[in-house]
C-alpha cells in the first residue's frame, strides 16, 4: 500500500482533547518499558522529547526517571495546553519544560541532549529527514536515542482492522486520526533508507515491536 501523508500539526481543540482523554496506557507504557529494557538506568539529563503532544509519555518517562530534566517539544498550541494540564496533574512541573516549535526550525535551549525520545512523530512530518537531521544535530556523544512510531499496514482494510481492534471505544475523531496515521506511517524498509541517507545506519537498529509499532534505537557515537 502506498503511503498517504496526513497534516503535520494537530492543532484542533477537539482533536487535542480526544488525545488527552484517550486510553494510551498499553502503547505508552510499552514505550517506557522498551526504552528501559534497551538502556536501563544509564540515562543522563537533559532529555529531549520531540513531538511530545499531550505529554502522556513525557510524564511517564519523568516518573520512570525522576532525576532527569525533560524538554518536551510540540508545534501544536492546543496539544501543549493539554500537556501543561497533564504535567500539573502528575506532579512533573519541576522536571518538564514545554517548548513550542516546528521541527526542524524549533529553537532549543540546549545544544546537545544526553537522551532523545520520540513517539509517533515521524509519520506526521512532511519530510522525514527533518527528524533524523535534528537527532543527528542535537544528540550528545553516547546519547541514547529511542524512536517509536506506527507501522504502515499492508492495506487499508488491514488498517481498519487495527483501528477496530485497538480503538473501538474511542471517539470518532480519534478513530479517524488513528486510521489516517496508519496510512501515513512508514515501513521498516523505508525507515532503514531514511537512516542510511542520514548517515545514522551504524548507530541505530530497527525492530518491529507489535502489529502496529516499530522502534528505532541506539546510541550516538
Protein backbone atom coordinates (compact mmCIF):
# COMPACT_ATOMS: atom_id res chain seq x y z
CA UNK A 1 0.00 0.00 0.00
CA UNK A 2 1.29 3.44 -0.91
CA UNK A 3 1.81 5.95 1.90
CA UNK A 4 -0.90 8.62 2.30
CA UNK A 5 0.51 11.71 4.10
CA UNK A 6 -1.50 13.49 6.78
CA UNK A 7 -1.32 17.02 8.31
CA UNK A 8 1.92 17.77 10.11
CA UNK A 9 0.43 19.73 13.02
CA UNK A 10 -2.58 18.52 15.05
CA UNK A 11 -3.98 21.84 16.29
CA UNK A 12 -7.75 21.28 16.54
CA UNK A 13 -9.16 21.61 20.05
CA UNK A 14 -11.45 18.56 19.80
CA UNK A 15 -8.62 16.55 18.31
CA UNK A 16 -6.23 17.51 21.11
CA UNK A 17 -8.86 16.89 23.79
CA UNK A 18 -9.54 13.44 22.38
CA UNK A 19 -5.85 12.59 22.60
CA UNK A 20 -5.63 13.92 26.15
CA UNK A 21 -8.59 11.80 27.26
CA UNK A 22 -7.79 8.63 25.31
CA UNK A 23 -6.56 5.42 26.90
CA UNK A 24 -2.96 5.05 25.70
CA UNK A 25 -1.88 3.01 28.71
CA UNK A 26 -0.69 -0.01 26.72
CA UNK A 27 1.36 1.61 23.92
CA UNK A 28 2.71 4.48 26.02
CA UNK A 29 3.79 2.26 28.90
CA UNK A 30 5.31 -0.07 26.31
CA UNK A 31 7.35 2.89 25.08
CA UNK A 32 8.84 3.46 28.54
CA UNK A 33 9.32 -0.26 29.23
CA UNK A 34 11.09 -0.87 25.92
CA UNK A 35 13.33 2.13 26.47
CA UNK A 36 14.30 0.84 29.91
CA UNK A 37 14.92 -2.66 28.51
CA UNK A 38 17.37 -1.23 25.99
CA UNK A 39 19.12 1.41 28.06
CA UNK A 40 18.47 0.55 31.72
CA UNK A 41 19.11 3.33 34.20
CA UNK A 42 22.17 4.71 32.38
CA UNK A 43 20.45 7.88 31.24
CA UNK A 44 21.53 11.46 31.86
CA UNK A 45 19.87 14.85 31.58
CA UNK A 46 18.81 16.81 29.72
CA UNK A 47 16.32 14.70 27.79
CA UNK A 48 14.69 15.91 24.57
CA UNK A 49 11.17 14.65 23.80
CA UNK A 50 10.31 15.55 20.21
CA UNK A 51 6.61 15.70 19.36
CA UNK A 52 5.54 15.39 23.00
CA UNK A 53 1.85 16.00 22.25
CA UNK A 54 -0.26 15.98 25.41
CA UNK A 55 2.78 14.86 27.46
CA UNK A 56 1.47 11.45 28.48
CA UNK A 57 4.72 9.72 27.52
CA UNK A 58 6.74 12.71 28.74
CA UNK A 59 5.34 12.41 32.24
CA UNK A 60 5.54 8.61 32.25
CA UNK A 61 9.19 8.91 31.33
CA UNK A 62 9.68 11.54 34.03
CA UNK A 63 8.21 9.22 36.65
CA UNK A 64 10.41 6.35 35.45
CA UNK A 65 13.50 8.60 35.58
CA UNK A 66 12.61 11.15 38.28
CA UNK A 67 16.09 12.70 38.48
CA UNK A 68 16.08 13.86 34.87
CA UNK A 69 15.06 17.18 33.34
CA UNK A 70 13.00 16.83 30.13
CA UNK A 71 12.34 19.36 27.37
CA UNK A 72 9.14 18.49 25.51
CA UNK A 73 8.70 19.98 22.02
CA UNK A 74 5.50 20.23 20.02
CA UNK A 75 4.24 22.51 17.25
CA UNK A 76 0.59 22.46 18.39
CA UNK A 77 -0.59 25.09 20.87
CA UNK A 78 -3.65 23.04 21.78
CA UNK A 79 -1.60 19.90 22.39
CA UNK A 80 0.70 21.91 24.65
CA UNK A 81 -2.30 23.26 26.55
CA UNK A 82 -3.31 19.73 27.50
CA UNK A 83 0.33 18.85 28.08
CA UNK A 84 0.53 21.54 30.77
CA UNK A 85 -2.55 20.11 32.45
CA UNK A 86 -1.02 16.62 32.38
CA UNK A 87 2.26 17.86 33.83
CA UNK A 88 0.46 19.64 36.68
CA UNK A 89 -1.77 16.66 37.41
CA UNK A 90 1.15 14.22 37.60
CA UNK A 91 3.40 16.50 39.62
CA UNK A 92 6.12 16.86 36.98
CA UNK A 93 6.21 20.66 36.70
CA UNK A 94 9.72 20.94 38.16
CA UNK A 95 11.11 18.30 35.79
CA UNK A 96 9.41 19.04 32.46
CA UNK A 97 9.69 22.18 30.34
CA UNK A 98 7.47 22.58 27.27
CA UNK A 99 8.70 24.29 24.10
CA UNK A 100 6.51 25.29 21.16
CA UNK A 101 8.23 24.87 17.82
CA UNK A 102 8.13 23.15 14.47
CA UNK A 103 10.85 20.67 13.59
CA UNK A 104 13.48 21.30 12.29
CA UNK A 105 13.31 25.07 12.99
CA UNK A 106 12.46 24.90 16.70
CA UNK A 107 14.85 26.91 18.87
CA UNK A 108 16.12 24.71 21.70
CA UNK A 109 17.70 25.93 24.95
CA UNK A 110 20.37 23.21 24.86
CA UNK A 111 22.81 22.50 22.04
CA UNK A 112 23.32 18.80 22.75
CA UNK A 113 20.99 16.48 24.65
CA UNK A 114 22.12 13.43 26.62
CA UNK A 115 18.99 11.48 25.62
CA UNK A 116 16.38 11.87 22.85
CA UNK A 117 12.97 10.20 22.80
CA UNK A 118 10.32 10.42 20.07
CA UNK A 119 6.87 8.87 19.84
CA UNK A 120 4.57 8.91 16.79
CA UNK A 121 6.13 11.99 15.22
CA UNK A 122 7.86 10.54 12.17
CA UNK A 123 4.68 9.78 10.21
CA UNK A 124 3.44 13.37 10.69
CA UNK A 125 6.46 15.08 9.16
CA UNK A 126 6.32 16.37 5.61
CA UNK A 127 9.97 15.48 5.26
CA UNK A 128 11.05 12.52 7.43
CA UNK A 129 14.67 13.61 7.13
CA UNK A 130 13.83 16.58 9.37
CA UNK A 131 13.56 14.18 12.30
CA UNK A 132 16.81 12.33 11.65
CA UNK A 133 18.55 15.63 10.97
CA UNK A 134 17.60 17.17 14.31
CA UNK A 135 18.53 13.98 16.12
CA UNK A 136 21.92 13.96 14.42
CA UNK A 137 22.42 17.62 15.27
CA UNK A 138 21.19 17.60 18.87
CA UNK A 139 22.29 14.23 20.29
CA UNK A 140 25.36 14.33 22.51
CA UNK A 141 28.04 11.67 22.22
CA UNK A 142 26.80 8.29 23.52
CA UNK A 143 23.27 9.66 23.99
CA UNK A 144 20.55 7.01 23.87
CA UNK A 145 18.04 7.66 21.10
CA UNK A 146 14.65 5.93 21.10
CA UNK A 147 12.07 6.50 18.35
CA UNK A 148 8.78 4.60 18.31
CA UNK A 149 6.28 5.10 15.52
CA UNK A 150 3.40 3.45 13.77
CA UNK A 151 3.96 0.77 11.17
CA UNK A 152 2.08 1.06 7.87
CA UNK A 153 -0.21 -1.93 7.30
CA UNK A 154 -0.31 -3.83 4.04
CA UNK A 155 -3.73 -2.46 3.04
CA UNK A 156 -6.44 -0.01 4.01
CA UNK A 157 -8.53 -2.99 5.14
CA UNK A 158 -5.76 -4.07 7.48
CA UNK A 159 -5.59 -0.51 8.83
CA UNK A 160 -9.34 -0.59 9.53
CA UNK A 161 -8.97 -3.88 11.41
CA UNK A 162 -6.24 -2.39 13.60
CA UNK A 163 -8.45 0.62 14.39
CA UNK A 164 -11.34 -1.67 15.35
CA UNK A 165 -9.06 -3.82 17.49
CA UNK A 166 -7.41 -1.06 19.48
CA UNK A 167 -9.71 1.98 19.29
CA UNK A 168 -13.25 0.65 19.00
CA UNK A 169 -14.43 2.60 22.05
CA UNK A 170 -12.61 5.84 21.30
CA UNK A 171 -14.30 8.96 19.85
CA UNK A 172 -14.74 9.11 16.10
CA UNK A 173 -12.18 11.92 15.76
CA UNK A 174 -9.55 9.70 17.36
CA UNK A 175 -10.50 6.66 15.31
CA UNK A 176 -10.25 8.70 12.11
CA UNK A 177 -6.86 10.11 13.13
CA UNK A 178 -5.59 6.64 14.02
CA UNK A 179 -6.63 5.29 10.62
CA UNK A 180 -5.05 8.23 8.79
CA UNK A 181 -1.86 7.89 10.83
CA UNK A 182 -1.56 4.20 9.95
CA UNK A 183 -1.80 5.09 6.27
CA UNK A 184 0.80 7.86 6.75
CA UNK A 185 3.26 5.61 8.59
CA UNK A 186 6.43 4.16 7.09
CA UNK A 187 7.57 0.58 6.58
CA UNK A 188 10.76 -0.70 8.22
CA UNK A 189 12.41 -0.71 4.80
CA UNK A 190 11.56 2.95 4.25
CA UNK A 191 12.86 3.90 7.69
CA UNK A 192 16.06 1.97 7.01
CA UNK A 193 16.54 4.03 3.85
CA UNK A 194 15.98 7.23 5.84
CA UNK A 195 18.57 6.48 8.49
CA UNK A 196 21.01 5.31 5.82
CA UNK A 197 20.55 8.61 3.99
CA UNK A 198 21.06 10.49 7.27
CA UNK A 199 24.32 8.67 7.95
CA UNK A 200 22.94 7.02 11.08
CA UNK A 201 22.75 3.38 9.99
CA UNK A 202 25.85 2.46 12.01
CA UNK A 203 24.26 3.66 15.24
CA UNK A 204 20.62 2.59 15.07
CA UNK A 205 18.73 -0.66 14.79
CA UNK A 206 15.14 -1.06 13.60
CA UNK A 207 12.77 -3.52 15.24
CA UNK A 208 9.08 -4.29 14.78
CA UNK A 209 7.70 -4.47 18.34
CA UNK A 210 3.97 -5.00 17.73
CA UNK A 211 1.44 -5.38 14.94
CA UNK A 212 1.39 -1.58 14.61
CA UNK A 213 4.67 -0.24 16.00
CA UNK A 214 8.33 -0.14 15.05
CA UNK A 215 11.25 1.13 17.10
CA UNK A 216 14.49 2.76 16.03
CA UNK A 217 17.04 2.80 18.84
CA UNK A 218 20.73 3.10 19.57
CA UNK A 219 23.42 5.37 20.94
CA UNK A 220 25.06 8.15 19.01
CA UNK A 221 28.83 7.81 18.61
